[in-house]
Structure formats: structure tokens, C-alpha cells
């Protein structure tokens, strides 16, 4: 909720989904074309944010993505890098989030 409030404070529209399946359903139902995927690395069960981004990219092609994580294991870092996903290490503040979003999207956020 905190990240959502920050994003909305910057004027971004947010569609939150607890799983890859729910995100895909929201996209299909709403006919949405998001400009960014922001996900935790660890999701429910054995699913990861890398899995979710890969599934969404099947529909949205080269959509920019950021994974938020406290996991600094070399395997996770390599997996995210190979998938072309920016990692944002927890804990982070709003300025780190803004910088990461602007870097991967090319947007300039109000704030």
C-alpha cells in the first residue's frame, strides 16, 4: 500500500494484483496497456516476480520492469539481469524508487 500511495502521489495510475494470473486478468478485462511492471521478487508459493514479468511480456512485449527485493544472492541478481529486469534493493526510499522508474521508463515524475 505504501508504494501504491507513493506512485499515485506522483500522478501514476496503479493496478495492483497479488499474482501473475490476476495481473493478466486485469489487463484483459480492462484493456490496459501499462507502461511499467513493478513487482516483488518473491510472490505467493513458488512464483517469482521474474516469472510474472516474463508472462506479462508475452502479452506486452518489451514492457519495462522493476523487481523490489531484499534478496542479494548472486543467482537472483543474475536471473533478473538476464531477463532485462531492473532490481531495486530493499529497503529503499521514495527517491530510489523514483530514480529507478525514471531510469527504466524515461519518464519524468512529478514530486
N, C-alpha and C. Protein backbone atom coordinates (compact mmCIF):
# COMPACT_ATOMS: atom_id res chain seq x y z
N UNK A 1 0.82 -1.20 0.00
CA UNK A 1 0.00 0.00 0.00
C UNK A 1 0.86 1.26 0.00
N UNK A 2 1.99 1.22 0.70
CA UNK A 2 2.84 2.41 0.76
C UNK A 2 3.38 2.76 -0.62
N UNK A 3 3.84 1.76 -1.36
CA UNK A 3 4.36 2.02 -2.70
C UNK A 3 3.24 2.54 -3.59
N UNK A 4 2.07 1.96 -3.48
CA UNK A 4 0.93 2.42 -4.28
C UNK A 4 0.63 3.90 -4.00
N UNK A 5 0.63 4.28 -2.73
CA UNK A 5 0.36 5.68 -2.37
C UNK A 5 1.42 6.61 -2.95
N UNK A 6 2.67 6.19 -2.91
CA UNK A 6 3.75 6.99 -3.47
C UNK A 6 3.54 7.17 -4.97
N UNK A 7 3.27 6.07 -5.67
CA UNK A 7 3.09 6.11 -7.12
C UNK A 7 1.91 7.00 -7.50
N UNK A 8 0.81 6.84 -6.80
CA UNK A 8 -0.36 7.67 -7.09
C UNK A 8 -0.09 9.14 -6.77
N UNK A 9 0.73 9.40 -5.76
CA UNK A 9 1.12 10.77 -5.44
C UNK A 9 1.93 11.42 -6.55
N UNK A 10 2.59 10.61 -7.34
CA UNK A 10 3.35 11.11 -8.50
C UNK A 10 2.48 11.19 -9.75
N UNK A 11 1.20 10.91 -9.60
CA UNK A 11 0.28 11.02 -10.72
C UNK A 11 0.15 9.76 -11.57
N UNK A 12 0.69 8.64 -11.09
CA UNK A 12 0.60 7.39 -11.85
C UNK A 12 -0.67 6.64 -11.49
N UNK A 13 -1.26 5.98 -12.46
CA UNK A 13 -2.39 5.08 -12.21
C UNK A 13 -1.82 3.72 -11.87
N UNK A 14 -2.37 3.08 -10.87
CA UNK A 14 -1.83 1.80 -10.39
C UNK A 14 -2.91 0.73 -10.46
N UNK A 15 -2.53 -0.40 -11.03
CA UNK A 15 -3.37 -1.60 -10.97
C UNK A 15 -2.58 -2.61 -10.17
N UNK A 16 -3.08 -2.94 -8.99
CA UNK A 16 -2.38 -3.87 -8.11
C UNK A 16 -2.99 -5.26 -8.27
N UNK A 17 -2.12 -6.27 -8.32
CA UNK A 17 -2.57 -7.64 -8.45
C UNK A 17 -1.68 -8.53 -7.59
N UNK A 18 -2.27 -9.46 -6.84
CA UNK A 18 -1.48 -10.31 -5.94
C UNK A 18 -0.76 -11.48 -6.63
N UNK A 19 -1.04 -11.69 -7.92
CA UNK A 19 -0.41 -12.82 -8.62
C UNK A 19 -0.33 -12.51 -10.11
N UNK A 20 0.44 -13.33 -10.79
CA UNK A 20 0.59 -13.20 -12.24
C UNK A 20 -0.76 -13.40 -12.92
N UNK A 21 -1.51 -14.39 -12.48
CA UNK A 21 -2.80 -14.67 -13.10
C UNK A 21 -3.75 -13.49 -12.95
N UNK A 22 -3.78 -12.88 -11.77
CA UNK A 22 -4.66 -11.74 -11.53
C UNK A 22 -4.22 -10.54 -12.35
N UNK A 23 -2.91 -10.36 -12.50
CA UNK A 23 -2.41 -9.24 -13.32
C UNK A 23 -2.83 -9.44 -14.78
N UNK A 24 -2.67 -10.67 -15.28
CA UNK A 24 -3.07 -10.95 -16.66
C UNK A 24 -4.57 -10.75 -16.84
N UNK A 25 -5.38 -11.17 -15.88
CA UNK A 25 -6.83 -10.99 -15.97
C UNK A 25 -7.20 -9.51 -15.96
N UNK A 26 -6.54 -8.73 -15.12
CA UNK A 26 -6.81 -7.29 -15.07
C UNK A 26 -6.49 -6.62 -16.40
N UNK A 27 -5.41 -7.04 -17.02
CA UNK A 27 -5.04 -6.47 -18.32
C UNK A 27 -6.08 -6.82 -19.38
N UNK A 28 -6.53 -8.06 -19.40
CA UNK A 28 -7.51 -8.50 -20.39
C UNK A 28 -8.86 -7.83 -20.18
N UNK A 29 -9.29 -7.73 -18.93
CA UNK A 29 -10.60 -7.15 -18.64
C UNK A 29 -10.63 -5.65 -18.89
N UNK A 30 -9.56 -4.99 -18.50
CA UNK A 30 -9.55 -3.54 -18.60
C UNK A 30 -9.00 -3.01 -19.90
N UNK A 31 -8.49 -3.89 -20.75
CA UNK A 31 -7.88 -3.43 -21.99
C UNK A 31 -6.73 -2.47 -21.74
N UNK A 32 -6.02 -2.69 -20.65
CA UNK A 32 -4.96 -1.78 -20.24
C UNK A 32 -3.67 -2.00 -21.01
N UNK A 33 -2.90 -0.95 -21.14
CA UNK A 33 -1.55 -1.03 -21.71
C UNK A 33 -0.63 -0.28 -20.75
N UNK A 34 -0.20 -0.98 -19.68
CA UNK A 34 0.65 -0.31 -18.69
C UNK A 34 2.02 0.03 -19.26
N UNK A 35 2.64 1.01 -18.64
CA UNK A 35 3.96 1.44 -19.07
C UNK A 35 5.08 0.86 -18.24
N UNK A 36 4.75 0.12 -17.17
CA UNK A 36 5.75 -0.40 -16.25
C UNK A 36 5.16 -1.54 -15.43
N UNK A 37 5.98 -2.55 -15.17
CA UNK A 37 5.62 -3.59 -14.21
C UNK A 37 6.54 -3.42 -13.01
N UNK A 38 5.95 -3.30 -11.84
CA UNK A 38 6.68 -3.17 -10.59
C UNK A 38 6.24 -4.35 -9.73
N UNK A 39 7.18 -5.20 -9.35
CA UNK A 39 6.81 -6.43 -8.63
C UNK A 39 7.82 -6.73 -7.54
N UNK A 40 7.36 -7.44 -6.53
CA UNK A 40 8.29 -8.03 -5.58
C UNK A 40 8.94 -9.22 -6.28
N UNK A 41 10.14 -9.56 -5.87
CA UNK A 41 10.80 -10.73 -6.42
C UNK A 41 10.07 -12.00 -5.97
N UNK A 42 9.75 -12.06 -4.69
CA UNK A 42 9.09 -13.25 -4.15
C UNK A 42 7.58 -13.01 -4.12
N UNK A 43 6.86 -13.89 -4.79
CA UNK A 43 5.41 -13.83 -4.81
C UNK A 43 4.87 -15.03 -4.07
N UNK A 44 3.60 -15.28 -4.19
CA UNK A 44 2.98 -16.40 -3.48
C UNK A 44 3.50 -17.73 -4.01
N UNK A 45 3.61 -18.68 -3.10
CA UNK A 45 4.05 -20.02 -3.49
C UNK A 45 5.46 -19.99 -4.05
N UNK A 46 5.66 -20.67 -5.15
CA UNK A 46 7.00 -20.73 -5.74
C UNK A 46 7.17 -19.72 -6.86
N UNK A 47 6.13 -18.93 -7.13
CA UNK A 47 6.20 -17.94 -8.21
C UNK A 47 7.12 -16.79 -7.83
N UNK A 48 7.82 -16.28 -8.82
CA UNK A 48 8.69 -15.12 -8.60
C UNK A 48 8.23 -13.96 -9.48
N UNK A 49 8.72 -12.79 -9.14
CA UNK A 49 8.46 -11.62 -9.97
C UNK A 49 9.04 -11.80 -11.36
N UNK A 50 10.13 -12.54 -11.47
CA UNK A 50 10.73 -12.81 -12.78
C UNK A 50 9.73 -13.60 -13.64
N UNK A 51 9.07 -14.59 -13.03
CA UNK A 51 8.04 -15.36 -13.74
C UNK A 51 6.90 -14.45 -14.19
N UNK A 52 6.45 -13.60 -13.28
CA UNK A 52 5.33 -12.71 -13.58
C UNK A 52 5.68 -11.76 -14.71
N UNK A 53 6.87 -11.17 -14.67
CA UNK A 53 7.28 -10.25 -15.73
C UNK A 53 7.36 -10.98 -17.06
N UNK A 54 7.93 -12.18 -17.06
CA UNK A 54 8.03 -12.97 -18.31
C UNK A 54 6.64 -13.23 -18.89
N UNK A 55 5.69 -13.59 -18.05
CA UNK A 55 4.33 -13.87 -18.52
C UNK A 55 3.67 -12.60 -19.07
N UNK A 56 3.86 -11.49 -18.38
CA UNK A 56 3.26 -10.24 -18.86
C UNK A 56 3.93 -9.77 -20.15
N UNK A 57 5.22 -10.03 -20.28
CA UNK A 57 5.92 -9.64 -21.51
C UNK A 57 5.49 -10.47 -22.71
N UNK A 58 4.89 -11.62 -22.49
CA UNK A 58 4.34 -12.39 -23.61
C UNK A 58 3.20 -11.62 -24.26
N UNK A 59 2.51 -10.82 -23.47
CA UNK A 59 1.39 -10.03 -23.97
C UNK A 59 1.82 -8.60 -24.28
N UNK A 60 2.68 -8.04 -23.41
CA UNK A 60 3.04 -6.62 -23.50
C UNK A 60 4.41 -6.38 -24.12
N UNK A 61 5.03 -7.42 -24.62
CA UNK A 61 6.33 -7.36 -25.26
C UNK A 61 7.38 -6.76 -24.34
N UNK A 62 8.04 -5.71 -24.73
CA UNK A 62 9.23 -5.21 -24.01
C UNK A 62 8.89 -4.21 -22.91
N UNK A 63 7.87 -4.47 -22.14
CA UNK A 63 7.49 -3.53 -21.08
C UNK A 63 8.61 -3.44 -20.04
N UNK A 64 8.97 -2.22 -19.63
CA UNK A 64 9.98 -2.07 -18.58
C UNK A 64 9.49 -2.68 -17.27
N UNK A 65 10.44 -3.20 -16.49
CA UNK A 65 10.07 -3.85 -15.24
C UNK A 65 11.11 -3.60 -14.17
N UNK A 66 10.62 -3.51 -12.94
CA UNK A 66 11.47 -3.34 -11.75
C UNK A 66 11.03 -4.39 -10.73
N UNK A 67 12.00 -5.10 -10.18
CA UNK A 67 11.74 -6.03 -9.09
C UNK A 67 12.26 -5.43 -7.80
N UNK A 68 11.41 -5.42 -6.79
CA UNK A 68 11.81 -4.96 -5.46
C UNK A 68 12.19 -6.19 -4.66
N UNK A 69 13.36 -6.16 -4.03
CA UNK A 69 13.80 -7.34 -3.30
C UNK A 69 14.80 -7.01 -2.21
N UNK A 70 14.79 -7.83 -1.20
CA UNK A 70 15.83 -7.78 -0.18
C UNK A 70 16.85 -8.88 -0.40
N UNK A 71 16.61 -9.72 -1.41
CA UNK A 71 17.48 -10.85 -1.74
C UNK A 71 18.64 -10.36 -2.60
N UNK A 72 19.83 -10.48 -2.08
CA UNK A 72 21.01 -10.03 -2.84
C UNK A 72 21.84 -11.21 -3.33
N UNK A 73 21.25 -12.39 -3.36
CA UNK A 73 22.01 -13.56 -3.80
C UNK A 73 22.43 -13.39 -5.26
N UNK A 74 23.64 -13.80 -5.58
CA UNK A 74 24.13 -13.65 -6.96
C UNK A 74 23.23 -14.33 -7.98
N UNK A 75 22.61 -15.45 -7.61
CA UNK A 75 21.73 -16.16 -8.54
C UNK A 75 20.52 -15.30 -8.92
N UNK A 76 19.92 -14.65 -7.93
CA UNK A 76 18.75 -13.81 -8.19
C UNK A 76 19.13 -12.58 -9.01
N UNK A 77 20.26 -11.99 -8.68
CA UNK A 77 20.73 -10.82 -9.43
C UNK A 77 20.96 -11.20 -10.88
N UNK A 78 21.64 -12.33 -11.13
CA UNK A 78 21.90 -12.79 -12.50
C UNK A 78 20.61 -13.11 -13.24
N UNK A 79 19.67 -13.75 -12.55
CA UNK A 79 18.39 -14.11 -13.19
C UNK A 79 17.63 -12.85 -13.62
N UNK A 80 17.60 -11.86 -12.76
CA UNK A 80 16.91 -10.61 -13.11
C UNK A 80 17.63 -9.90 -14.25
N UNK A 81 18.95 -9.84 -14.18
CA UNK A 81 19.71 -9.18 -15.25
C UNK A 81 19.50 -9.89 -16.58
N UNK A 82 19.53 -11.24 -16.58
CA UNK A 82 19.34 -11.96 -17.84
C UNK A 82 17.96 -11.72 -18.42
N UNK A 83 16.98 -11.46 -17.56
CA UNK A 83 15.62 -11.20 -18.02
C UNK A 83 15.41 -9.72 -18.38
N UNK A 84 16.44 -8.91 -18.20
CA UNK A 84 16.30 -7.49 -18.52
C UNK A 84 15.42 -6.75 -17.55
N UNK A 85 15.51 -7.14 -16.28
CA UNK A 85 14.68 -6.53 -15.24
C UNK A 85 15.59 -5.80 -14.25
N UNK A 86 15.24 -4.56 -13.97
CA UNK A 86 16.00 -3.75 -13.02
C UNK A 86 15.68 -4.22 -11.60
N UNK A 87 16.70 -4.36 -10.76
CA UNK A 87 16.49 -4.72 -9.35
C UNK A 87 16.58 -3.49 -8.47
N UNK A 88 15.65 -3.35 -7.57
CA UNK A 88 15.65 -2.28 -6.58
C UNK A 88 15.74 -2.95 -5.22
N UNK A 89 16.87 -2.76 -4.56
CA UNK A 89 17.13 -3.44 -3.29
C UNK A 89 16.36 -2.78 -2.14
N UNK A 90 15.70 -3.60 -1.33
CA UNK A 90 15.02 -3.14 -0.12
C UNK A 90 16.05 -3.07 1.00
N UNK A 91 15.90 -2.18 1.93
CA UNK A 91 14.89 -1.12 1.97
C UNK A 91 15.29 0.02 1.03
N UNK A 92 14.29 0.71 0.52
CA UNK A 92 14.55 1.85 -0.35
C UNK A 92 13.56 2.95 0.00
N UNK A 93 13.93 4.16 -0.31
CA UNK A 93 13.06 5.30 -0.07
C UNK A 93 12.41 5.76 -1.36
N UNK A 94 11.50 6.71 -1.27
CA UNK A 94 10.81 7.21 -2.45
C UNK A 94 11.76 7.72 -3.54
N UNK A 95 12.85 8.36 -3.16
CA UNK A 95 13.77 8.88 -4.17
C UNK A 95 14.45 7.76 -4.95
N UNK A 96 14.76 6.64 -4.29
CA UNK A 96 15.34 5.50 -5.00
C UNK A 96 14.33 4.90 -5.97
N UNK A 97 13.08 4.82 -5.53
CA UNK A 97 12.02 4.30 -6.38
C UNK A 97 11.83 5.21 -7.59
N UNK A 98 11.75 6.50 -7.35
CA UNK A 98 11.57 7.45 -8.44
C UNK A 98 12.72 7.35 -9.44
N UNK A 99 13.94 7.29 -8.95
CA UNK A 99 15.10 7.19 -9.82
C UNK A 99 15.05 5.92 -10.68
N UNK A 100 14.69 4.80 -10.07
CA UNK A 100 14.60 3.54 -10.81
C UNK A 100 13.53 3.60 -11.89
N UNK A 101 12.37 4.14 -11.54
CA UNK A 101 11.29 4.25 -12.52
C UNK A 101 11.70 5.15 -13.68
N UNK A 102 12.28 6.30 -13.36
CA UNK A 102 12.70 7.22 -14.42
C UNK A 102 13.78 6.58 -15.29
N UNK A 103 14.66 5.81 -14.70
CA UNK A 103 15.75 5.16 -15.44
C UNK A 103 15.20 4.14 -16.44
N UNK A 104 14.27 3.30 -16.00
CA UNK A 104 13.80 2.22 -16.88
C UNK A 104 12.73 2.65 -17.87
N UNK A 105 12.02 3.76 -17.57
CA UNK A 105 10.93 4.19 -18.45
C UNK A 105 11.25 5.42 -19.28
N UNK A 106 12.18 6.24 -18.79
CA UNK A 106 12.44 7.51 -19.46
C UNK A 106 11.46 8.61 -19.06
N UNK A 107 10.56 8.30 -18.12
CA UNK A 107 9.59 9.28 -17.64
C UNK A 107 10.26 10.29 -16.73
N UNK A 108 9.61 11.44 -16.56
CA UNK A 108 9.98 12.39 -15.52
C UNK A 108 8.76 12.49 -14.59
N UNK A 109 8.97 12.10 -13.35
CA UNK A 109 7.86 12.06 -12.40
C UNK A 109 7.78 13.34 -11.60
N UNK A 110 6.57 13.79 -11.37
CA UNK A 110 6.33 14.98 -10.54
C UNK A 110 6.67 14.65 -9.10
N UNK A 111 7.06 15.65 -8.37
CA UNK A 111 7.22 15.30 -6.99
C UNK A 111 8.09 16.16 -6.22
